[in-house]
Amino acid sequence: MKLSSLSDKLKIEKKNIIKYYNMTCSFCNEKETEGWLKSYCKACANLRRMLVLYDSDKCIDILNRVLLRTDAQITNKINMELKKPILTAIKKEIQDIKKEQADDKKADDKKDYDKPSTRSKTKVELK
């Protein structure tokens, strides 16, 4: 019981230290910073490096193209998602029809199959 209360106190003290020394990331304001003198968490530091290395306009353009969707793209996605169950049902029906046709063809082939004539087992006498 003492251990759990001690660990709870340590967690509370850690939160208080983080708040007091402002050790939260200055970019996302959610995660802890990497160290005492750093002001960004790992993810935000990586984002900041990318923005410094590459042109910020280029980074924003890439993020807009990849992450954001226009209204036309959203409606197209909704329509595609609505069509999926219908298309899968149609494909399944087509597969069932093809399977039935193949089964019918196999049955017809068996009916029309003539047994090959083989040598009879009766012995023939030579004269």
Foldseek 3Di string as FASTA:
>chain_A
DVVVVVVVVVVVVVVVVCVVLVQAAPPPRPDGPPDSPDRHHPVVVVVVVVCVVDPVVVVVVVCCVPPPDDPVRVVVVVVVVVCVVVVVVVVVVVVVVVVVVVVVVVVVCVVPDDDDDDDDPDDDDDD
